[in-house]
Amino acid sequence: MHLINNFAIIFRHYFLRSCRDIVSLFVFGLLPLAIISVNYFIIYNIPDVPQIAGTTSITVFMLMAFQFFCGDTIIYHLNNDFRSTVRWRLYATPIPKNTFIYAAAIASWIYSITQGMLLILVSTLLFNVYWGNPLILVSVLLIISIMAQLVAILICLLTKTRKSASAILQLICFGLMALSGGLFGTLGDSNFLTRYGTPISLAHWAVLNAGPYADDMSKAILNIIILAAMTLVLAIFVLMLGRRRAI
């Protein structure tokens, strides 16, 4: 019981710290909405382009892409608290180090999901975005957010500073977005990369196939299975590497 109380207190500290970070709120909350707004008005002024369908595709894509950008939150926590002089104060407490790390990781994960849910709510109210099957949407959001956190933790384990870890994460995020077609206006293309080649494209089309673009649950479920398998393999690799390397 005492361990649970300590975990809850530490979780609350990291979650509230993330919510109070103005830069994070802007980058992970307002920036995707600004991008969606710009694309909304561009699509609105293009004839013969379905407004709701186009906005929905872009919004779903941004939701999945920014889950990976949110991984910078856990990179910040791990580097600033466990690789600075503060770590000695943390280690001096009777609470195990892993409790701090797990609490920080889960707080970052919940924070990214909260960001995603707010984006879903606001885009639905402002842009009339249709998200399709809610069970598919929630499943995809949960899996892709876990994967994003694991990628960030893996980068943190393989690097020594927050600056290098953040730079690598951003490079990976933009690379995934480019390969998925989100940087060159090819989201609707049916080539392999933009549909199955990256985690973002898999998540993107899992949601679109479950209502917004098509009613093909078999394809949506297949994408979810692939995402879940990738996440499981990544989790095993991160756990194995984490045992060998101390934060």
C-alpha atoms as a PDB file:
ATOM      1  CA  MET A   1       0.000   0.000   0.000  1.00  0.00           C
ATOM      2  CA  HIS A   2       2.856   2.348   0.867  1.00  0.00           C
ATOM      3  CA  LEU A   3       4.474   1.612  -2.506  1.00  0.00           C
ATOM      4  CA  ILE A   4       1.219   2.412  -4.331  1.00  0.00           C
ATOM      5  CA  ASN A   5       0.907   5.726  -2.488  1.00  0.00           C
ATOM      6  CA  ASN A   6       4.493   6.648  -3.377  1.00  0.00           C
ATOM      7  CA  PHE A   7       3.891   5.716  -7.007  1.00  0.00           C
ATOM      8  CA  ALA A   8       0.723   7.835  -7.120  1.00  0.00           C
ATOM      9  CA  ILE A   9       2.506  10.859  -5.632  1.00  0.00           C
ATOM     10  CA  ILE A  10       5.424  10.563  -8.068  1.00  0.00           C
ATOM     11  CA  PHE A  11       3.060  10.030 -11.012  1.00  0.00           C
ATOM     12  CA  ARG A  12       1.069  13.118 -10.044  1.00  0.00           C
ATOM     13  CA  HIS A  13       4.271  15.181  -9.805  1.00  0.00           C
ATOM     14  CA  TYR A  14       5.464  14.240 -13.301  1.00  0.00           C
ATOM     15  CA  PHE A  15       2.050  14.546 -14.921  1.00  0.00           C
ATOM     16  CA  LEU A  16       1.377  17.993 -13.472  1.00  0.00           C
ATOM     17  CA  ARG A  17       4.899  19.085 -14.372  1.00  0.00           C
ATOM     18  CA  SER A  18       4.233  18.170 -17.992  1.00  0.00           C
ATOM     19  CA  CYS A  19       0.877  19.972 -17.976  1.00  0.00           C
ATOM     20  CA  ARG A  20       2.465  23.146 -16.595  1.00  0.00           C
ATOM     21  CA  ASP A  21       5.135  23.283 -19.294  1.00  0.00           C
ATOM     22  CA  ILE A  22       4.001  26.107 -21.604  1.00  0.00           C
ATOM     23  CA  VAL A  23       6.272  24.996 -24.448  1.00  0.00           C
ATOM     24  CA  SER A  24       4.898  21.441 -24.345  1.00  0.00           C
ATOM     25  CA  LEU A  25       1.307  22.696 -24.267  1.00  0.00           C
ATOM     26  CA  PHE A  26       1.980  24.827 -27.324  1.00  0.00           C
ATOM     27  CA  VAL A  27       3.909  22.218 -29.320  1.00  0.00           C
ATOM     28  CA  PHE A  28       1.769  19.191 -28.482  1.00  0.00           C
ATOM     29  CA  GLY A  29      -1.587  20.945 -28.127  1.00  0.00           C
ATOM     30  CA  LEU A  30      -1.861  24.120 -30.184  1.00  0.00           C
ATOM     31  CA  LEU A  31       0.583  23.351 -33.010  1.00  0.00           C
ATOM     32  CA  PRO A  32      -1.300  20.328 -34.433  1.00  0.00           C
ATOM     33  CA  LEU A  33      -4.545  22.309 -34.246  1.00  0.00           C
ATOM     34  CA  ALA A  34      -2.898  25.201 -36.084  1.00  0.00           C
ATOM     35  CA  ILE A  35      -1.672  22.849 -38.829  1.00  0.00           C
ATOM     36  CA  ILE A  36      -5.127  21.292 -39.146  1.00  0.00           C
ATOM     37  CA  SER A  37      -6.742  24.761 -39.280  1.00  0.00           C
ATOM     38  CA  VAL A  38      -4.457  25.898 -42.100  1.00  0.00           C
ATOM     39  CA  ASN A  39      -5.130  22.738 -44.081  1.00  0.00           C
ATOM     40  CA  TYR A  40      -8.863  23.094 -43.406  1.00  0.00           C
ATOM     41  CA  PHE A  41      -9.010  26.542 -45.000  1.00  0.00           C
ATOM     42  CA  ILE A  42      -6.812  25.428 -47.900  1.00  0.00           C
ATOM     43  CA  ILE A  43      -9.081  22.454 -48.607  1.00  0.00           C
ATOM     44  CA  TYR A  44     -12.145  24.697 -48.233  1.00  0.00           C
ATOM     45  CA  ASN A  45     -10.945  26.858 -51.138  1.00  0.00           C
ATOM     46  CA  ILE A  46     -10.051  23.971 -53.451  1.00  0.00           C
ATOM     47  CA  PRO A  47     -12.946  22.942 -55.702  1.00  0.00           C
ATOM     48  CA  ASP A  48     -13.904  19.277 -56.123  1.00  0.00           C
ATOM     49  CA  VAL A  49     -12.090  18.239 -52.923  1.00  0.00           C
ATOM     50  CA  PRO A  50     -14.314  16.658 -50.239  1.00  0.00           C
ATOM     51  CA  GLN A  51     -13.839  19.020 -47.316  1.00  0.00           C
ATOM     52  CA  ILE A  52     -14.742  16.681 -44.453  1.00  0.00           C
ATOM     53  CA  ALA A  53     -12.844  13.728 -45.929  1.00  0.00           C
ATOM     54  CA  GLY A  54      -9.702  15.780 -46.548  1.00  0.00           C
ATOM     55  CA  THR A  55      -9.754  17.392 -43.118  1.00  0.00           C
ATOM     56  CA  THR A  56     -10.415  14.042 -41.466  1.00  0.00           C
ATOM     57  CA  SER A  57      -7.445  12.415 -43.170  1.00  0.00           C
ATOM     58  CA  ILE A  58      -5.082  15.213 -42.160  1.00  0.00           C
ATOM     59  CA  THR A  59      -6.409  15.305 -38.585  1.00  0.00           C
ATOM     60  CA  VAL A  60      -6.054  11.557 -38.084  1.00  0.00           C
ATOM     61  CA  PHE A  61      -2.522  11.746 -39.468  1.00  0.00           C
ATOM     62  CA  MET A  62      -1.559  14.605 -37.149  1.00  0.00           C
ATOM     63  CA  LEU A  63      -3.023  12.774 -34.168  1.00  0.00           C
ATOM     64  CA  MET A  64      -0.791   9.772 -34.798  1.00  0.00           C
ATOM     65  CA  ALA A  65       2.308  11.784 -35.732  1.00  0.00           C
ATOM     66  CA  PHE A  66       2.209  14.013 -32.656  1.00  0.00           C
ATOM     67  CA  GLN A  67       2.016  10.978 -30.384  1.00  0.00           C
ATOM     68  CA  PHE A  68       5.636  10.368 -31.395  1.00  0.00           C
ATOM     69  CA  PHE A  69       6.583  13.998 -30.807  1.00  0.00           C
ATOM     70  CA  CYS A  70       5.107  13.678 -27.292  1.00  0.00           C
ATOM     71  CA  GLY A  71       7.862  11.178 -26.578  1.00  0.00           C
ATOM     72  CA  ASP A  72      10.088  14.175 -25.888  1.00  0.00           C
ATOM     73  CA  THR A  73       8.303  14.490 -22.533  1.00  0.00           C
ATOM     74  CA  ILE A  74       9.760  11.258 -21.163  1.00  0.00           C
ATOM     75  CA  ILE A  75      13.156  12.173 -22.645  1.00  0.00           C
ATOM     76  CA  TYR A  76      12.993  15.420 -20.659  1.00  0.00           C
ATOM     77  CA  HIS A  77      12.108  13.631 -17.418  1.00  0.00           C
ATOM     78  CA  LEU A  78      14.723  10.896 -17.737  1.00  0.00           C
ATOM     79  CA  ASN A  79      17.561  13.259 -18.625  1.00  0.00           C
ATOM     80  CA  ASN A  80      16.740  16.147 -16.302  1.00  0.00           C
ATOM     81  CA  ASP A  81      16.041  14.015 -13.230  1.00  0.00           C
ATOM     82  CA  PHE A  82      18.119  10.871 -13.670  1.00  0.00           C
ATOM     83  CA  ARG A  83      21.207  12.281 -15.387  1.00  0.00           C
ATOM     84  CA  SER A  84      21.748  15.450 -13.395  1.00  0.00           C
ATOM     85  CA  THR A  85      22.730  16.286  -9.842  1.00  0.00           C
ATOM     86  CA  VAL A  86      19.096  15.794  -8.835  1.00  0.00           C
ATOM     87  CA  ARG A  87      19.506  12.031  -9.229  1.00  0.00           C
ATOM     88  CA  TRP A  88      21.488  11.731  -6.014  1.00  0.00           C
ATOM     89  CA  ARG A  89      18.591  13.166  -4.046  1.00  0.00           C
ATOM     90  CA  LEU A  90      16.230  10.727  -5.768  1.00  0.00           C
ATOM     91  CA  TYR A  91      18.494   7.774  -5.059  1.00  0.00           C
ATOM     92  CA  ALA A  92      18.874   8.854  -1.416  1.00  0.00           C
ATOM     93  CA  THR A  93      15.182   8.298  -0.766  1.00  0.00           C
ATOM     94  CA  PRO A  94      13.955   4.866   0.370  1.00  0.00           C
ATOM     95  CA  ILE A  95      11.845   4.637  -2.805  1.00  0.00           C
ATOM     96  CA  PRO A  96      13.357   2.322  -5.471  1.00  0.00           C
ATOM     97  CA  LYS A  97      14.752   4.059  -8.556  1.00  0.00           C
ATOM     98  CA  ASN A  98      12.497   1.991 -10.824  1.00  0.00           C
ATOM     99  CA  THR A  99       9.437   3.488  -9.124  1.00  0.00           C
ATOM    100  CA  PHE A 100      10.498   6.957 -10.250  1.00  0.00           C
ATOM    101  CA  ILE A 101      11.247   5.772 -13.784  1.00  0.00           C
ATOM    102  CA  TYR A 102       7.990   3.835 -14.192  1.00  0.00           C
ATOM    103  CA  ALA A 103       5.948   6.684 -12.741  1.00  0.00           C
ATOM    104  CA  ALA A 104       7.610   9.177 -15.091  1.00  0.00           C
ATOM    105  CA  ALA A 105       7.033   6.873 -18.088  1.00  0.00           C
ATOM    106  CA  ILE A 106       3.354   6.291 -17.295  1.00  0.00           C
ATOM    107  CA  ALA A 107       2.819  10.008 -16.587  1.00  0.00           C
ATOM    108  CA  SER A 108       4.305  10.829 -19.990  1.00  0.00           C
ATOM    109  CA  TRP A 109       2.110   8.164 -21.611  1.00  0.00           C
ATOM    110  CA  ILE A 110      -1.094   9.484 -19.984  1.00  0.00           C
ATOM    111  CA  TYR A 111      -0.074  13.017 -20.936  1.00  0.00           C
ATOM    112  CA  SER A 112       0.299  12.045 -24.596  1.00  0.00           C
ATOM    113  CA  ILE A 113      -3.061  10.236 -24.570  1.00  0.00           C
ATOM    114  CA  THR A 114      -4.679  13.298 -22.975  1.00  0.00           C
ATOM    115  CA  GLN A 115      -3.199  15.454 -25.718  1.00  0.00           C
ATOM    116  CA  GLY A 116      -4.604  13.050 -28.296  1.00  0.00           C
ATOM    117  CA  MET A 117      -8.081  12.982 -26.747  1.00  0.00           C
ATOM    118  CA  LEU A 118      -8.186  16.780 -26.607  1.00  0.00           C
ATOM    119  CA  LEU A 119      -7.199  16.940 -30.279  1.00  0.00           C
ATOM    120  CA  ILE A 120     -10.008  14.503 -31.116  1.00  0.00           C
ATOM    121  CA  LEU A 121     -12.562  16.528 -29.133  1.00  0.00           C
ATOM    122  CA  VAL A 122     -11.570  19.958 -30.430  1.00  0.00           C
ATOM    123  CA  SER A 123     -11.267  18.850 -34.080  1.00  0.00           C
ATOM    124  CA  THR A 124     -14.687  17.189 -33.886  1.00  0.00           C
ATOM    125  CA  LEU A 125     -16.296  20.356 -32.557  1.00  0.00           C
ATOM    126  CA  LEU A 126     -14.458  22.860 -34.784  1.00  0.00           C
ATOM    127  CA  PHE A 127     -13.944  20.986 -38.052  1.00  0.00           C
ATOM    128  CA  ASN A 128     -16.673  18.336 -37.961  1.00  0.00           C
ATOM    129  CA  VAL A 129     -14.077  15.571 -38.247  1.00  0.00           C
ATOM    130  CA  TYR A 130     -15.547  12.074 -38.440  1.00  0.00           C
ATOM    131  CA  TRP A 131     -13.413   9.539 -36.557  1.00  0.00           C
ATOM    132  CA  GLY A 132     -15.227   6.366 -37.532  1.00  0.00           C
ATOM    133  CA  ASN A 133     -15.432   3.354 -35.226  1.00  0.00           C
ATOM    134  CA  PRO A 134     -14.633   4.552 -31.666  1.00  0.00           C
ATOM    135  CA  LEU A 135     -13.234   1.172 -30.562  1.00  0.00           C
ATOM    136  CA  ILE A 136     -10.778   1.155 -33.462  1.00  0.00           C
ATOM    137  CA  LEU A 137      -9.828   4.769 -32.765  1.00  0.00           C
ATOM    138  CA  VAL A 138      -9.195   4.171 -29.049  1.00  0.00           C
ATOM    139  CA  SER A 139      -7.278   0.944 -29.718  1.00  0.00           C
ATOM    140  CA  VAL A 140      -5.034   2.625 -32.265  1.00  0.00           C
ATOM    141  CA  LEU A 141      -4.415   5.647 -30.039  1.00  0.00           C
ATOM    142  CA  LEU A 142      -3.456   3.473 -27.062  1.00  0.00           C
ATOM    143  CA  ILE A 143      -1.100   1.276 -29.085  1.00  0.00           C
ATOM    144  CA  ILE A 144       0.575   4.076 -31.029  1.00  0.00           C
ATOM    145  CA  SER A 145       1.082   6.114 -27.836  1.00  0.00           C
ATOM    146  CA  ILE A 146       2.751   3.158 -26.107  1.00  0.00           C
ATOM    147  CA  MET A 147       4.972   2.634 -29.147  1.00  0.00           C
ATOM    148  CA  ALA A 148       5.903   6.317 -29.180  1.00  0.00           C
ATOM    149  CA  GLN A 149       6.941   6.213 -25.515  1.00  0.00           C
ATOM    150  CA  LEU A 150       8.995   3.066 -26.090  1.00  0.00           C
ATOM    151  CA  VAL A 151      10.785   4.687 -29.021  1.00  0.00           C
ATOM    152  CA  ALA A 152      11.605   7.712 -26.862  1.00  0.00           C
ATOM    153  CA  ILE A 153      12.877   5.522 -23.994  1.00  0.00           C
ATOM    154  CA  LEU A 154      14.996   3.513 -26.445  1.00  0.00           C
ATOM    155  CA  ILE A 155      16.551   6.696 -27.816  1.00  0.00           C
ATOM    156  CA  CYS A 156      17.211   7.886 -24.271  1.00  0.00           C
ATOM    157  CA  LEU A 157      18.951   4.599 -23.422  1.00  0.00           C
ATOM    158  CA  LEU A 158      21.179   4.873 -26.487  1.00  0.00           C
ATOM    159  CA  THR A 159      22.165   8.530 -26.015  1.00  0.00           C
ATOM    160  CA  LYS A 160      23.785  10.530 -23.238  1.00  0.00           C
ATOM    161  CA  THR A 161      22.203  13.984 -23.422  1.00  0.00           C
ATOM    162  CA  ARG A 162      18.716  15.353 -23.823  1.00  0.00           C
ATOM    163  CA  LYS A 163      19.791  17.526 -26.758  1.00  0.00           C
ATOM    164  CA  SER A 164      20.993  14.571 -28.806  1.00  0.00           C
ATOM    165  CA  ALA A 165      18.023  12.411 -27.775  1.00  0.00           C
ATOM    166  CA  SER A 166      15.501  15.111 -28.720  1.00  0.00           C
ATOM    167  CA  ALA A 167      17.251  15.746 -32.045  1.00  0.00           C
ATOM    168  CA  ILE A 168      17.174  12.036 -32.924  1.00  0.00           C
ATOM    169  CA  LEU A 169      13.503  11.767 -31.908  1.00  0.00           C
ATOM    170  CA  GLN A 170      12.532  14.740 -34.063  1.00  0.00           C
ATOM    171  CA  LEU A 171      14.500  13.336 -36.993  1.00  0.00           C
ATOM    172  CA  ILE A 172      12.682  10.014 -36.638  1.00  0.00           C
ATOM    173  CA  CYS A 173       9.300  11.751 -36.369  1.00  0.00           C
ATOM    174  CA  PHE A 174       9.806  13.846 -39.496  1.00  0.00           C
ATOM    175  CA  GLY A 175      11.207  10.806 -41.303  1.00  0.00           C
ATOM    176  CA  LEU A 176       8.132   8.735 -40.430  1.00  0.00           C
ATOM    177  CA  MET A 177       5.846  11.572 -41.494  1.00  0.00           C
ATOM    178  CA  ALA A 178       7.668  11.926 -44.808  1.00  0.00           C
ATOM    179  CA  LEU A 179       7.579   8.198 -45.560  1.00  0.00           C
ATOM    180  CA  SER A 180       3.890   8.118 -44.630  1.00  0.00           C
ATOM    181  CA  GLY A 181       3.113  10.881 -47.123  1.00  0.00           C
ATOM    182  CA  GLY A 182       2.279  13.566 -44.599  1.00  0.00           C
ATOM    183  CA  LEU A 183       4.885  16.099 -45.715  1.00  0.00           C
ATOM    184  CA  PHE A 184       4.303  15.981 -49.460  1.00  0.00           C
ATOM    185  CA  GLY A 185       0.524  15.937 -49.809  1.00  0.00           C
ATOM    186  CA  THR A 186       0.273  12.254 -50.715  1.00  0.00           C
ATOM    187  CA  LEU A 187      -1.829  11.002 -47.797  1.00  0.00           C
ATOM    188  CA  GLY A 188      -4.429   9.547 -50.120  1.00  0.00           C
ATOM    189  CA  ASP A 189      -1.981   7.615 -52.290  1.00  0.00           C
ATOM    190  CA  SER A 190      -2.326   3.850 -52.228  1.00  0.00           C
ATOM    191  CA  ASN A 191       1.367   2.930 -52.385  1.00  0.00           C
ATOM    192  CA  PHE A 192       2.853   0.591 -49.789  1.00  0.00           C
ATOM    193  CA  LEU A 193       4.707   3.183 -47.703  1.00  0.00           C
ATOM    194  CA  THR A 194       1.741   5.496 -47.228  1.00  0.00           C
ATOM    195  CA  ARG A 195      -0.473   2.589 -46.156  1.00  0.00           C
ATOM    196  CA  TYR A 196       1.704  -0.020 -44.442  1.00  0.00           C
ATOM    197  CA  GLY A 197       5.308   1.204 -44.463  1.00  0.00           C
ATOM    198  CA  THR A 198       5.472   3.017 -41.109  1.00  0.00           C
ATOM    199  CA  PRO A 199       3.693   2.908 -37.732  1.00  0.00           C
ATOM    200  CA  ILE A 200       2.069   6.260 -38.530  1.00  0.00           C
ATOM    201  CA  SER A 201       0.697   5.030 -41.865  1.00  0.00           C
ATOM    202  CA  LEU A 202      -0.561   1.810 -40.246  1.00  0.00           C
ATOM    203  CA  ALA A 203      -2.339   3.779 -37.514  1.00  0.00           C
ATOM    204  CA  HIS A 204      -3.615   6.365 -39.971  1.00  0.00           C
ATOM    205  CA  TRP A 205      -5.242   3.832 -42.282  1.00  0.00           C
ATOM    206  CA  ALA A 206      -6.502   1.653 -39.452  1.00  0.00           C
ATOM    207  CA  VAL A 207      -8.733   4.562 -38.419  1.00  0.00           C
ATOM    208  CA  LEU A 208      -9.647   5.599 -41.974  1.00  0.00           C
ATOM    209  CA  ASN A 209     -10.616   2.053 -42.971  1.00  0.00           C
ATOM    210  CA  ALA A 210     -13.010   1.829 -40.017  1.00  0.00           C
ATOM    211  CA  GLY A 211     -15.440   4.462 -41.203  1.00  0.00           C
ATOM    212  CA  PRO A 212     -14.056   7.786 -42.463  1.00  0.00           C
ATOM    213  CA  TYR A 213     -12.841   6.470 -45.863  1.00  0.00           C
ATOM    214  CA  ALA A 214     -14.067   2.888 -46.025  1.00  0.00           C
ATOM    215  CA  ASP A 215     -15.991   0.288 -44.069  1.00  0.00           C
ATOM    216  CA  ASP A 216     -13.344  -2.413 -44.112  1.00  0.00           C
ATOM    217  CA  MET A 217     -12.925  -3.678 -40.576  1.00  0.00           C
ATOM    218  CA  SER A 218     -10.686  -6.547 -41.669  1.00  0.00           C
ATOM    219  CA  LYS A 219      -8.033  -4.122 -42.927  1.00  0.00           C
ATOM    220  CA  ALA A 220      -8.383  -1.943 -39.826  1.00  0.00           C
ATOM    221  CA  ILE A 221      -7.950  -4.939 -37.513  1.00  0.00           C
ATOM    222  CA  LEU A 222      -4.999  -6.205 -39.571  1.00  0.00           C
ATOM    223  CA  ASN A 223      -3.250  -2.857 -39.130  1.00  0.00           C
ATOM    224  CA  ILE A 224      -3.921  -2.952 -35.399  1.00  0.00           C
ATOM    225  CA  ILE A 225      -2.481  -6.466 -35.128  1.00  0.00           C
ATOM    226  CA  ILE A 226       0.668  -5.384 -36.962  1.00  0.00           C
ATOM    227  CA  LEU A 227       1.009  -2.316 -34.725  1.00  0.00           C
ATOM    228  CA  ALA A 228       0.499  -4.413 -31.586  1.00  0.00           C
ATOM    229  CA  ALA A 229       3.122  -6.943 -32.715  1.00  0.00           C
ATOM    230  CA  MET A 230       5.624  -4.180 -33.474  1.00  0.00           C
ATOM    231  CA  THR A 231       4.966  -2.601 -30.075  1.00  0.00           C
ATOM    232  CA  LEU A 232       5.442  -5.925 -28.274  1.00  0.00           C
ATOM    233  CA  VAL A 233       8.770  -6.587 -29.996  1.00  0.00           C
ATOM    234  CA  LEU A 234       9.904  -3.033 -29.223  1.00  0.00           C
ATOM    235  CA  ALA A 235       8.866  -3.407 -25.573  1.00  0.00           C
ATOM    236  CA  ILE A 236      10.858  -6.616 -25.189  1.00  0.00           C
ATOM    237  CA  PHE A 237      13.902  -4.986 -26.764  1.00  0.00           C
ATOM    238  CA  VAL A 238      13.627  -1.910 -24.527  1.00  0.00           C
ATOM    239  CA  LEU A 239      13.307  -4.065 -21.394  1.00  0.00           C
ATOM    240  CA  MET A 240      16.330  -6.157 -22.364  1.00  0.00           C
ATOM    241  CA  LEU A 241      18.413  -3.076 -23.123  1.00  0.00           C
ATOM    242  CA  GLY A 242      17.194  -1.301 -19.986  1.00  0.00           C
ATOM    243  CA  ARG A 243      18.460  -4.126 -17.793  1.00  0.00           C
ATOM    244  CA  ARG A 244      21.942  -3.724 -19.216  1.00  0.00           C
ATOM    245  CA  ARG A 245      22.096   0.059 -19.185  1.00  0.00           C
ATOM    246  CA  ALA A 246      21.376   2.237 -16.198  1.00  0.00           C
ATOM    247  CA  ILE A 247      19.572   5.523 -16.763  1.00  0.00           C
END
